[in-house]
Amino acid sequence: MTRTSSSPASRTPAPTDGADSALVWFRRDLRADDHAALYHALRRHRRVYCAFVLDTDILDPLPRADRRVAFVLDALRVLDTDLAALAPGAGLIVRHGAPREEIPALAAELGVQALYFNHDDEPDALRRDADVGATLKARGLEVHSFKDHVVFERSELLTGAGKPYGVFTPYKNAWLREITPFFLSSYPVERHASRLATGADVAARRGVPTLADIGFEPAELSAALSGGSAGARRLFDEFLERIDRYGETRDFPAAKGPSYLSTHLRFGTISIRVLAREAWQRGYGSSGPSAGAQTWLSELIWRDFYHQVLHHHPQVTERAFRPEYDRIAWAEGPEADADFDAWCQGRTGYPLVDAAMHQINQTGYMHNRLRMVTASFLIKDLGIDWRRGEAYFAEKLIDFDLAANNGGWQWAASSGCDAQPYFRIFNPVSQSEKFDPDGKFIKRYLPQLSRLPPALIHAPWLARPAELAACGVVLGRDYPEPIVRHETARMATMARYAVVKDRGFAPD
């Protein structure tokens, strides 16, 4: 296994007296503490400006009441306040437009000598950053970028043959072998905060716009998503009180099991190093062993793994990681479109699937176990191309992250890295009975089924009409009949996947 190292100590540029000022471009790292690019800029330059661009290339296609935009603006207001707390008079400069134009224009206005930002390995972001960097370098400016969003990135963890990992467990083992406090240490931004730019020129450019200012409508955010970096820290502190039980509670959507930090992690309102360090110390260090912390750390490692996959295999955004799976003939036509619409709207007739879809539609969040259940149902019960479901989640999820979303959908479709074998198909009824045994989650999002007892709520079509009527439910009126029978759909999936059958496996 080969490795290239990166840490606050190893990647600190030497101070340069001649480099007077710099611009730090915030993106998916909306915090003032433990921030790689900000730390390096402050170390090297006498005067450092901070900016964020409300990217119209991203914003324009979004619905006008998008929760992600509300989250970002809330986080920007907190970031502006936090910068001012580090150095009175400092703050965040916010622009609204295309970064390819706004960042070079702002750099020219401020007269900076360098641009600093943290990596974003999504293909569109890489193209954007390359264009901005090329423009500034042509003008004689320095451009520096750093790892910040993951613990190990790109080619830092490779197999003994120098190849990227394609299976999670060996990757996780390598991750755990290589991890030390060196990789999890924080960037002490506050030590150099006196170099943050202050004064009238900063004040004149500051100010976080409202939703209305940029053409958006109010969007409700839960308490877990408010407060930017301060809210993230409160949420993390609360999760640490129950992290030891994470392994037992995380799969039950009616229980308070997850950390609920996925959106904060996606937009960088909390540092991955802070999270991974705490999980590693509790799970494997002097504070451990905590089985719950070990399980949660494994989830964070999955995140690193999927980002590594995206970096080395950007084609996964459009095609199957395993090319043979693109030979599958997915269901198409009016009937498939009707099934897809029923899935989107939570009208499949399978209560756990429908409740999960109502959760994502109403809140912008879906429990991780239910992401697997709903994805499996769309792909392997309805026979619909995983890319359609991936796109729907990308539209709805507040915590949408391209690498993780794509990795999860390809896992469910059996077409990705370390994916479940195609013949292992989630049964939506048994999943419901196992992980929502009393139907508490189902009743929360399907109140029309609230009077059904646990014996009936997971598969209402198996109940006698009189039993349903006694609970105020008539199938086809109050709740739909199943749009597909699972066992029949399972056989159709086995036939559909026969074109890519892995001869190393046999159905069990």
Protein backbone atom coordinates (compact mmCIF):
# COMPACT_ATOMS: atom_id res chain seq x y z
CA MET A 1 0.00 0.00 0.00
CA THR A 2 1.38 3.39 -0.97
CA ARG A 3 0.50 6.74 0.48
CA THR A 4 1.14 10.43 0.01
CA SER A 5 0.82 12.45 3.19
CA SER A 6 -0.91 15.67 3.97
CA SER A 7 -1.47 17.44 7.27
CA PRO A 8 -1.42 20.93 8.77
CA ALA A 9 2.28 20.55 9.53
CA SER A 10 3.41 19.02 6.26
CA ARG A 11 1.52 21.36 3.97
CA THR A 12 2.16 24.75 5.55
CA PRO A 13 3.82 27.07 3.02
CA ALA A 14 6.70 29.06 4.41
CA PRO A 15 5.80 32.69 5.21
CA THR A 16 6.69 35.05 2.38
CA ASP A 17 7.18 38.70 3.29
CA GLY A 18 6.65 39.84 -0.28
CA ALA A 19 3.23 38.24 -0.62
CA ASP A 20 1.14 41.02 0.88
CA SER A 21 -2.48 39.91 0.46
CA ALA A 22 -4.55 36.91 -0.51
CA LEU A 23 -8.15 35.90 -1.12
CA VAL A 24 -9.66 32.77 0.43
CA TRP A 25 -12.55 31.37 -1.58
CA PHE A 26 -15.02 29.49 0.63
CA ARG A 27 -17.21 26.83 -1.00
CA ARG A 28 -18.20 23.61 0.80
CA ASP A 29 -16.23 24.60 3.93
CA LEU A 30 -18.45 27.15 5.65
CA ARG A 31 -16.66 27.56 8.96
CA ALA A 32 -13.87 29.75 10.35
CA ASP A 33 -12.15 27.09 12.47
CA ASP A 34 -9.94 24.18 11.37
CA HIS A 35 -9.99 25.43 7.79
CA ALA A 36 -7.04 24.38 5.63
CA ALA A 37 -7.06 27.09 2.97
CA LEU A 38 -7.72 29.89 5.45
CA TYR A 39 -4.93 28.69 7.74
CA HIS A 40 -2.37 28.52 4.94
CA ALA A 41 -3.33 31.95 3.60
CA LEU A 42 -3.06 33.51 7.06
CA ARG A 43 0.32 31.90 7.63
CA ARG A 44 1.75 33.22 4.38
CA HIS A 45 0.17 36.64 3.83
CA ARG A 46 -0.12 39.84 5.81
CA ARG A 47 -3.69 40.58 4.77
CA VAL A 48 -6.31 37.92 3.96
CA TYR A 49 -9.77 38.49 2.52
CA CYS A 50 -12.55 35.89 2.74
CA ALA A 51 -15.22 35.47 0.07
CA PHE A 52 -18.08 33.25 -1.01
CA VAL A 53 -19.84 33.25 -4.36
CA LEU A 54 -23.51 32.35 -4.58
CA ASP A 55 -22.96 30.41 -7.79
CA THR A 56 -25.68 31.13 -10.35
CA ASP A 57 -24.61 28.09 -12.35
CA ILE A 58 -25.77 26.01 -9.39
CA LEU A 59 -28.61 28.20 -8.14
CA ASP A 60 -30.47 29.01 -11.34
CA PRO A 61 -31.79 25.46 -12.02
CA LEU A 62 -33.00 24.96 -8.43
CA PRO A 63 -36.61 25.29 -7.27
CA ARG A 64 -37.29 28.67 -5.72
CA ALA A 65 -37.93 27.23 -2.23
CA ASP A 66 -34.83 25.06 -1.97
CA ARG A 67 -33.83 24.20 1.59
CA ARG A 68 -30.16 23.95 0.64
CA VAL A 69 -30.07 27.63 -0.29
CA ALA A 70 -31.68 28.57 3.02
CA PHE A 71 -29.12 26.42 4.84
CA VAL A 72 -26.19 28.02 3.01
CA LEU A 73 -27.35 31.59 3.68
CA ASP A 74 -27.84 30.76 7.36
CA ALA A 75 -24.33 29.25 7.48
CA LEU A 76 -22.86 32.29 5.71
CA ARG A 77 -24.33 34.65 8.31
CA VAL A 78 -22.73 32.60 11.09
CA LEU A 79 -19.43 32.47 9.20
CA ASP A 80 -19.45 36.25 8.79
CA THR A 81 -20.00 36.62 12.54
CA ASP A 82 -17.29 34.09 13.37
CA LEU A 83 -14.72 35.88 11.20
CA ALA A 84 -15.55 39.15 12.95
CA ALA A 85 -15.09 37.42 16.31
CA LEU A 86 -11.61 36.31 15.25
CA ALA A 87 -10.63 39.83 14.17
CA PRO A 88 -12.94 42.80 14.83
CA GLY A 89 -13.84 44.39 11.53
CA ALA A 90 -13.21 41.22 9.54
CA GLY A 91 -15.99 39.48 7.68
CA LEU A 92 -17.17 37.60 4.64
CA ILE A 93 -17.47 39.17 1.20
CA VAL A 94 -20.42 37.61 -0.65
CA ARG A 95 -20.95 37.81 -4.39
CA HIS A 96 -23.84 36.52 -6.50
CA GLY A 97 -22.91 35.34 -9.98
CA ALA A 98 -20.69 32.92 -11.89
CA PRO A 99 -17.43 32.15 -10.03
CA ARG A 100 -15.46 32.12 -13.29
CA GLU A 101 -16.22 35.84 -13.48
CA GLU A 102 -16.73 36.87 -9.87
CA ILE A 103 -13.53 35.49 -8.33
CA PRO A 104 -11.12 37.01 -10.89
CA ALA A 105 -13.03 40.30 -10.70
CA LEU A 106 -12.88 40.35 -6.90
CA ALA A 107 -9.19 39.43 -6.89
CA ALA A 108 -8.52 42.38 -9.19
CA GLU A 109 -10.61 44.78 -7.09
CA LEU A 110 -8.81 43.78 -3.90
CA GLY A 111 -5.38 43.71 -5.51
CA VAL A 112 -4.45 40.37 -4.01
CA GLN A 113 -1.43 38.34 -5.05
CA ALA A 114 -2.88 34.87 -4.46
CA LEU A 115 -6.06 32.79 -4.30
CA TYR A 116 -6.57 29.99 -1.78
CA PHE A 117 -9.34 27.40 -1.70
CA ASN A 118 -10.03 23.82 -0.62
CA HIS A 119 -10.45 20.92 -3.02
CA ASP A 120 -13.77 19.90 -4.50
CA ASP A 121 -13.47 16.73 -6.58
CA GLU A 122 -16.84 16.84 -8.30
CA PRO A 123 -16.25 16.98 -12.08
CA ASP A 124 -18.05 20.29 -12.61
CA ALA A 125 -16.19 21.83 -9.69
CA LEU A 126 -12.84 20.66 -11.03
CA ARG A 127 -13.56 22.30 -14.37
CA ARG A 128 -14.68 25.50 -12.65
CA ASP A 129 -11.60 25.61 -10.45
CA ALA A 130 -9.28 24.93 -13.39
CA ASP A 131 -10.84 27.80 -15.33
CA VAL A 132 -10.59 30.23 -12.42
CA GLY A 133 -7.02 29.15 -11.70
CA ALA A 134 -5.97 29.53 -15.32
CA THR A 135 -7.40 33.05 -15.47
CA LEU A 136 -5.59 34.16 -12.34
CA LYS A 137 -2.29 32.49 -13.20
CA ALA A 138 -2.36 34.25 -16.57
CA ARG A 139 -2.47 37.51 -14.61
CA GLY A 140 0.51 36.48 -12.52
CA LEU A 141 -1.34 35.46 -9.36
CA GLU A 142 -0.53 32.39 -7.30
CA VAL A 143 -3.24 29.75 -6.89
CA HIS A 144 -3.15 27.27 -3.99
CA SER A 145 -5.61 24.52 -3.12
CA PHE A 146 -5.71 22.07 -0.22
CA LYS A 147 -7.34 18.94 1.13
CA ASP A 148 -10.06 19.74 3.63
CA HIS A 149 -13.27 17.81 2.94
CA VAL A 150 -12.04 14.28 3.65
CA VAL A 151 -9.38 12.66 5.82
CA PHE A 152 -7.62 10.78 3.00
CA GLU A 153 -8.17 12.03 -0.53
CA ARG A 154 -7.42 11.22 -4.14
CA SER A 155 -4.37 8.93 -4.24
CA GLU A 156 -3.31 9.11 -0.59
CA LEU A 157 -4.42 5.51 0.00
CA LEU A 158 -3.53 3.04 -2.74
CA THR A 159 -3.16 -0.72 -2.93
CA GLY A 160 0.24 -2.38 -2.89
CA ALA A 161 0.07 -2.31 -6.69
CA GLY A 162 -0.40 1.45 -6.65
CA LYS A 163 -4.06 1.25 -7.70
CA PRO A 164 -7.14 2.83 -6.13
CA TYR A 165 -9.24 0.55 -3.97
CA GLY A 166 -12.42 -0.90 -5.46
CA VAL A 167 -13.63 -2.79 -2.38
CA PHE A 168 -14.49 -1.07 0.87
CA THR A 169 -13.15 -3.47 3.50
CA PRO A 170 -9.51 -3.42 2.27
CA TYR A 171 -9.80 0.36 1.95
CA LYS A 172 -11.10 0.64 5.50
CA ASN A 173 -8.32 -1.59 6.80
CA ALA A 174 -5.73 0.56 5.03
CA TRP A 175 -7.40 3.71 6.40
CA LEU A 176 -7.22 2.37 9.95
CA ARG A 177 -3.61 1.25 9.52
CA GLU A 178 -2.48 4.66 8.32
CA ILE A 179 -4.50 6.94 10.55
CA THR A 180 -2.62 8.75 13.29
CA PRO A 181 -3.18 12.04 15.16
CA PHE A 182 -0.99 13.57 12.44
CA PHE A 183 -3.84 13.28 9.92
CA LEU A 184 -6.57 14.40 12.31
CA SER A 185 -4.93 17.46 13.82
CA SER A 186 -6.78 20.73 13.35
CA TYR A 187 -5.56 23.84 11.56
CA PRO A 188 -5.18 26.54 14.30
CA VAL A 189 -6.67 29.43 12.37
CA GLU A 190 -7.11 31.55 15.47
CA ARG A 191 -3.33 31.83 16.01
CA HIS A 192 -3.00 33.96 12.89
CA ALA A 193 -6.41 35.64 12.84
CA SER A 194 -4.88 39.10 13.23
CA ARG A 195 -4.02 38.91 9.53
CA LEU A 196 -7.65 38.83 8.48
CA ALA A 197 -8.46 41.89 6.41
CA THR A 198 -10.46 44.53 8.26
CA GLY A 199 -11.51 48.10 7.70
CA ALA A 200 -13.78 50.14 5.50
CA ASP A 201 -12.96 48.31 2.26
CA VAL A 202 -14.08 45.01 3.79
CA ALA A 203 -17.15 46.53 5.43
CA ALA A 204 -18.26 48.03 2.13
CA ARG A 205 -18.25 44.63 0.46
CA ARG A 206 -19.75 42.61 3.29
CA GLY A 207 -23.28 41.52 3.81
CA VAL A 208 -25.05 38.20 3.34
CA PRO A 209 -28.11 38.61 1.11
CA THR A 210 -31.55 37.37 1.99
CA LEU A 211 -33.34 34.65 0.06
CA ALA A 212 -35.45 37.31 -1.60
CA ASP A 213 -32.34 39.23 -2.66
CA ILE A 214 -31.22 36.30 -4.83
CA GLY A 215 -34.67 35.33 -6.08
CA PHE A 216 -35.57 32.54 -3.66
CA GLU A 217 -38.51 31.95 -1.36
CA PRO A 218 -38.48 31.00 2.33
CA ALA A 219 -37.75 27.33 3.02
CA GLU A 220 -38.25 25.76 6.43
CA LEU A 221 -35.21 24.29 8.15
CA SER A 222 -35.33 21.93 11.10
CA ALA A 223 -33.59 22.87 14.34
CA ALA A 224 -30.84 20.37 13.48
CA LEU A 225 -29.98 22.39 10.38
CA SER A 226 -29.96 25.88 11.81
CA GLY A 227 -27.12 27.92 13.21
CA GLY A 228 -24.34 27.12 10.76
CA SER A 229 -21.09 26.06 12.44
CA ALA A 230 -22.44 26.80 15.93
CA GLY A 231 -25.47 24.63 15.28
CA ALA A 232 -23.26 21.86 13.94
CA ARG A 233 -21.16 21.85 17.06
CA ARG A 234 -24.23 21.72 19.32
CA LEU A 235 -25.58 18.81 17.28
CA PHE A 236 -22.27 16.97 17.49
CA ASP A 237 -22.00 17.46 21.24
CA GLU A 238 -25.50 16.05 21.63
CA PHE A 239 -24.67 13.06 19.44
CA LEU A 240 -21.58 12.26 21.51
CA GLU A 241 -23.86 11.61 24.47
CA ARG A 242 -25.40 8.66 22.58
CA ILE A 243 -22.61 7.62 20.20
CA ASP A 244 -21.95 4.43 22.18
CA ARG A 245 -25.44 3.20 21.21
CA TYR A 246 -25.08 4.17 17.55
CA GLY A 247 -24.57 0.61 16.34
CA GLU A 248 -27.83 -0.54 17.94
CA THR A 249 -30.00 2.44 17.03
CA ARG A 250 -28.83 3.69 13.64
CA ASP A 251 -31.03 1.40 11.53
CA PHE A 252 -34.34 2.25 13.19
CA PRO A 253 -35.94 5.32 11.57
CA ALA A 254 -38.29 5.96 14.49
CA ALA A 255 -35.36 6.10 16.93
CA LYS A 256 -32.93 8.94 17.52
CA GLY A 257 -29.97 6.98 16.25
CA PRO A 258 -28.10 8.88 13.51
CA SER A 259 -25.86 11.86 14.13
CA TYR A 260 -27.93 14.06 11.77
CA LEU A 261 -24.68 15.78 10.79
CA SER A 262 -24.71 14.84 7.12
CA THR A 263 -25.79 18.28 5.88
CA HIS A 264 -23.28 20.05 8.10
CA LEU A 265 -20.58 17.72 6.83
CA ARG A 266 -21.65 18.25 3.22
CA PHE A 267 -21.31 22.04 3.49
CA GLY A 268 -18.37 21.98 5.86
CA THR A 269 -19.99 23.76 8.78
CA ILE A 270 -18.07 21.24 10.86
CA SER A 271 -14.66 19.76 10.13
CA ILE A 272 -14.31 16.13 9.10
CA ARG A 273 -11.11 16.05 11.15
CA VAL A 274 -13.00 16.99 14.31
CA LEU A 275 -15.58 14.26 13.72
CA ALA A 276 -13.15 11.52 12.71
CA ARG A 277 -10.74 12.34 15.53
CA GLU A 278 -13.44 12.00 18.16
CA ALA A 279 -14.78 8.77 16.64
CA TRP A 280 -11.28 7.27 16.28
CA GLN A 281 -10.24 8.16 19.82
CA ARG A 282 -13.46 6.75 21.29
CA GLY A 283 -13.42 3.69 19.08
CA TYR A 284 -9.74 2.78 18.96
CA GLY A 285 -7.77 5.14 21.16
CA SER A 286 -7.31 5.68 24.86
CA SER A 287 -10.95 6.73 25.22
CA GLY A 288 -12.19 3.48 23.66
CA PRO A 289 -13.17 0.94 22.82
CA SER A 290 -16.66 2.09 21.90
CA ALA A 291 -18.40 -0.19 19.40
CA GLY A 292 -20.79 2.62 18.51
CA ALA A 293 -17.91 4.99 17.74
CA GLN A 294 -16.24 2.31 15.63
CA THR A 295 -19.41 1.86 13.60
CA TRP A 296 -19.83 5.59 13.10
CA LEU A 297 -16.19 5.97 12.08
CA SER A 298 -16.79 3.25 9.50
CA GLU A 299 -19.53 5.43 8.01
CA LEU A 300 -17.10 8.35 7.78
CA ILE A 301 -14.59 6.05 6.07
CA TRP A 302 -17.26 5.04 3.55
CA ARG A 303 -17.50 8.74 2.73
CA ASP A 304 -13.75 8.96 2.07
CA PHE A 305 -14.02 5.78 -0.02
CA TYR A 306 -16.76 7.16 -2.27
CA HIS A 307 -14.85 10.40 -2.79
CA GLN A 308 -11.80 8.37 -3.80
CA VAL A 309 -13.95 6.43 -6.27
CA LEU A 310 -15.30 9.64 -7.80
CA HIS A 311 -11.79 11.06 -8.15
CA HIS A 312 -10.39 8.03 -9.94
CA HIS A 313 -13.55 7.10 -11.85
CA PRO A 314 -15.46 10.30 -12.73
CA GLN A 315 -17.39 8.35 -15.37
CA VAL A 316 -19.57 6.92 -12.56
CA THR A 317 -21.64 10.11 -12.65
CA GLU A 318 -23.10 8.90 -15.95
CA ARG A 319 -22.31 5.19 -16.24
CA ALA A 320 -22.07 2.10 -14.09
CA PHE A 321 -18.77 1.59 -12.29
CA ARG A 322 -18.91 -1.99 -13.55
CA PRO A 323 -19.50 -1.41 -17.28
CA GLU A 324 -21.31 -4.70 -17.86
CA TYR A 325 -24.21 -3.40 -15.79
CA ASP A 326 -24.96 -0.82 -18.46
CA ARG A 327 -26.24 -3.72 -20.57
CA ILE A 328 -29.30 -4.08 -18.36
CA ALA A 329 -32.59 -3.31 -20.10
CA TRP A 330 -34.42 -1.08 -17.64
CA ALA A 331 -38.18 -0.65 -17.64
CA GLU A 332 -39.25 2.21 -19.89
CA GLY A 333 -42.42 3.69 -21.34
CA PRO A 334 -45.67 5.02 -19.84
CA GLU A 335 -46.07 2.20 -17.32
CA ALA A 336 -42.54 2.66 -15.99
CA ASP A 337 -43.08 6.43 -15.85
CA ALA A 338 -46.26 5.89 -13.84
CA ASP A 339 -44.41 3.56 -11.45
CA PHE A 340 -41.61 6.09 -11.06
CA ASP A 341 -44.12 8.84 -10.27
CA ALA A 342 -45.81 6.59 -7.69
CA TRP A 343 -42.41 5.96 -6.09
CA CYS A 344 -41.58 9.68 -6.03
CA GLN A 345 -44.92 10.58 -4.46
CA GLY A 346 -44.99 7.73 -1.94
CA ARG A 347 -47.89 5.84 -3.53
CA THR A 348 -46.38 2.38 -4.09
CA GLY A 349 -48.64 0.56 -1.61
CA TYR A 350 -45.64 -0.50 0.51
CA PRO A 351 -45.91 1.55 3.72
CA LEU A 352 -42.24 1.75 4.66
CA VAL A 353 -41.25 2.79 1.14
CA ASP A 354 -44.05 5.35 0.96
CA ALA A 355 -43.33 6.78 4.41
CA ALA A 356 -39.67 7.21 3.48
CA MET A 357 -40.58 9.04 0.28
CA HIS A 358 -42.91 11.33 2.21
CA GLN A 359 -40.04 12.03 4.60
CA ILE A 360 -37.71 13.17 1.83
CA ASN A 361 -40.43 15.18 0.09
CA GLN A 362 -41.54 16.93 3.28
CA THR A 363 -38.19 17.46 5.01
CA GLY A 364 -35.36 17.09 2.49
CA TYR A 365 -33.92 14.29 4.62
CA MET A 366 -34.19 10.51 4.53
CA HIS A 367 -32.93 8.03 7.08
CA ASN A 368 -29.94 6.08 5.74
CA ARG A 369 -31.53 2.62 6.10
CA LEU A 370 -34.52 3.89 4.18
CA ARG A 371 -32.31 5.24 1.39
CA MET A 372 -31.22 1.65 0.81
CA VAL A 373 -34.77 0.30 1.04
CA THR A 374 -36.29 2.86 -1.34
CA ALA A 375 -33.41 2.55 -3.81
CA SER A 376 -33.68 -1.22 -3.86
CA PHE A 377 -37.43 -0.98 -4.40
CA LEU A 378 -37.10 1.39 -7.36
CA ILE A 379 -34.36 -0.63 -9.01
CA LYS A 380 -35.24 -4.22 -8.18
CA ASP A 381 -38.98 -4.16 -7.59
CA LEU A 382 -39.90 -1.67 -10.29
CA GLY A 383 -36.97 -2.35 -12.65
CA ILE A 384 -36.27 1.37 -13.14
CA ASP A 385 -32.82 2.72 -13.98
CA TRP A 386 -30.93 3.72 -10.85
CA ARG A 387 -29.95 7.00 -12.49
CA ARG A 388 -33.56 8.23 -12.29
CA GLY A 389 -33.62 7.64 -8.54
CA GLU A 390 -30.19 9.16 -8.10
CA ALA A 391 -31.36 12.33 -9.84
CA TYR A 392 -34.49 12.52 -7.68
CA PHE A 393 -32.46 12.25 -4.49
CA ALA A 394 -30.05 14.88 -5.84
CA GLU A 395 -32.99 17.24 -6.27
CA LYS A 396 -34.55 16.62 -2.86
CA LEU A 397 -31.80 15.90 -0.33
CA ILE A 398 -30.43 18.80 1.69
CA ASP A 399 -27.32 16.73 2.36
CA PHE A 400 -26.87 15.79 -1.31
CA ASP A 401 -23.26 14.88 -1.98
CA LEU A 402 -22.47 13.63 -5.47
CA ALA A 403 -19.89 11.05 -4.41
CA ALA A 404 -21.97 9.52 -1.62
CA ASN A 405 -25.28 9.68 -3.51
CA ASN A 406 -23.82 8.05 -6.60
CA GLY A 407 -21.98 5.47 -4.52
CA GLY A 408 -25.11 4.56 -2.60
CA TRP A 409 -27.28 4.21 -5.69
CA GLN A 410 -24.71 2.13 -7.52
CA TRP A 411 -24.37 -0.04 -4.41
CA ALA A 412 -28.12 -0.63 -4.44
CA ALA A 413 -28.03 -1.37 -8.18
CA SER A 414 -25.13 -3.83 -7.69
CA SER A 415 -23.21 -1.91 -10.34
CA GLY A 416 -20.74 -0.03 -8.15
CA CYS A 417 -17.74 -0.56 -5.91
CA ASP A 418 -18.25 -3.27 -3.31
CA ALA A 419 -21.93 -3.44 -4.22
CA GLN A 420 -24.35 -6.02 -2.85
CA PRO A 421 -24.75 -9.02 -5.18
CA TYR A 422 -27.61 -8.52 -7.61
CA PHE A 423 -29.56 -11.47 -6.23
CA ARG A 424 -29.75 -10.01 -2.72
CA ILE A 425 -32.88 -7.91 -2.97
CA PHE A 426 -34.36 -6.02 -0.04
CA ASN A 427 -37.83 -7.25 0.86
CA PRO A 428 -39.72 -4.05 1.76
CA VAL A 429 -42.08 -5.91 4.11
CA SER A 430 -39.42 -7.75 6.10
CA GLN A 431 -37.36 -4.54 6.26
CA SER A 432 -40.39 -2.78 7.67
CA GLU A 433 -41.08 -5.51 10.23
CA LYS A 434 -37.44 -5.55 11.34
CA PHE A 435 -36.63 -1.86 11.49
CA ASP A 436 -40.01 -0.26 12.23
CA PRO A 437 -41.66 -3.11 14.13
CA ASP A 438 -44.38 -1.03 15.77
CA GLY A 439 -44.96 1.11 12.67
CA LYS A 440 -44.06 4.33 14.50
CA PHE A 441 -42.18 5.79 11.56
CA ILE A 442 -44.85 4.72 9.09
CA LYS A 443 -47.60 6.32 11.15
CA ARG A 444 -45.65 9.57 11.37
CA TYR A 445 -45.70 10.03 7.61
CA LEU A 446 -48.80 8.01 6.69
CA PRO A 447 -51.36 9.14 9.28
CA GLN A 448 -54.14 7.40 7.35
CA LEU A 449 -52.62 4.12 8.60
CA SER A 450 -52.23 5.30 12.20
CA ARG A 451 -54.96 2.99 13.55
CA LEU A 452 -53.49 -0.17 12.04
CA PRO A 453 -51.83 -2.52 14.55
CA PRO A 454 -48.27 -3.76 13.93
CA ALA A 455 -49.62 -7.05 12.60
CA LEU A 456 -51.30 -5.24 9.69
CA ILE A 457 -49.36 -2.06 9.02
CA HIS A 458 -46.39 -3.54 7.17
CA ALA A 459 -48.47 -5.26 4.46
CA PRO A 460 -52.05 -3.96 4.64
CA TRP A 461 -53.10 -5.80 1.47
CA LEU A 462 -52.75 -9.10 3.37
CA ALA A 463 -55.36 -8.05 5.93
CA ARG A 464 -59.03 -8.87 5.57
CA PRO A 465 -61.16 -5.96 4.36
CA ALA A 466 -63.12 -6.06 7.62
CA GLU A 467 -59.91 -5.69 9.64
CA LEU A 468 -58.91 -2.67 7.59
CA ALA A 469 -62.39 -1.16 7.74
CA ALA A 470 -62.34 -1.40 11.52
CA CYS A 471 -59.25 0.81 11.43
CA GLY A 472 -60.77 3.26 8.95
CA VAL A 473 -58.78 2.08 5.94
CA VAL A 474 -60.07 1.08 2.54
CA LEU A 475 -57.39 0.08 0.10
CA GLY A 476 -57.64 2.00 -3.14
CA ARG A 477 -59.35 4.88 -1.33
CA ASP A 478 -57.31 5.70 1.79
CA TYR A 479 -54.13 3.94 0.77
CA PRO A 480 -53.12 2.37 -2.55
CA GLU A 481 -52.91 -1.29 -3.41
CA PRO A 482 -49.32 -2.44 -4.09
CA ILE A 483 -48.24 -1.42 -7.59
CA VAL A 484 -46.15 -4.58 -7.83
CA ARG A 485 -45.89 -7.89 -6.00
CA HIS A 486 -42.45 -8.28 -4.50
CA GLU A 487 -41.95 -11.97 -5.26
CA THR A 488 -43.03 -11.51 -8.87
CA ALA A 489 -40.77 -8.47 -9.20
CA ARG A 490 -37.88 -10.39 -7.69
CA MET A 491 -38.07 -13.04 -10.39
CA ALA A 492 -38.21 -10.33 -13.06
CA THR A 493 -35.10 -8.72 -11.56
CA MET A 494 -33.23 -12.01 -11.59
CA ALA A 495 -34.03 -12.33 -15.29
CA ARG A 496 -33.11 -8.71 -15.99
CA TYR A 497 -29.74 -9.09 -14.29
CA ALA A 498 -28.97 -12.38 -16.03
CA VAL A 499 -27.10 -10.48 -18.74
CA VAL A 500 -24.46 -9.49 -16.21
CA LYS A 501 -24.55 -12.54 -13.96
CA ASP A 502 -21.32 -12.85 -11.97
CA ARG A 503 -20.31 -16.47 -12.34
CA GLY A 504 -18.42 -16.21 -9.09
CA PHE A 505 -21.74 -16.10 -7.23
CA ALA A 506 -24.83 -18.22 -7.15
CA PRO A 507 -28.19 -17.21 -5.68
CA ASP A 508 -28.54 -18.36 -2.09
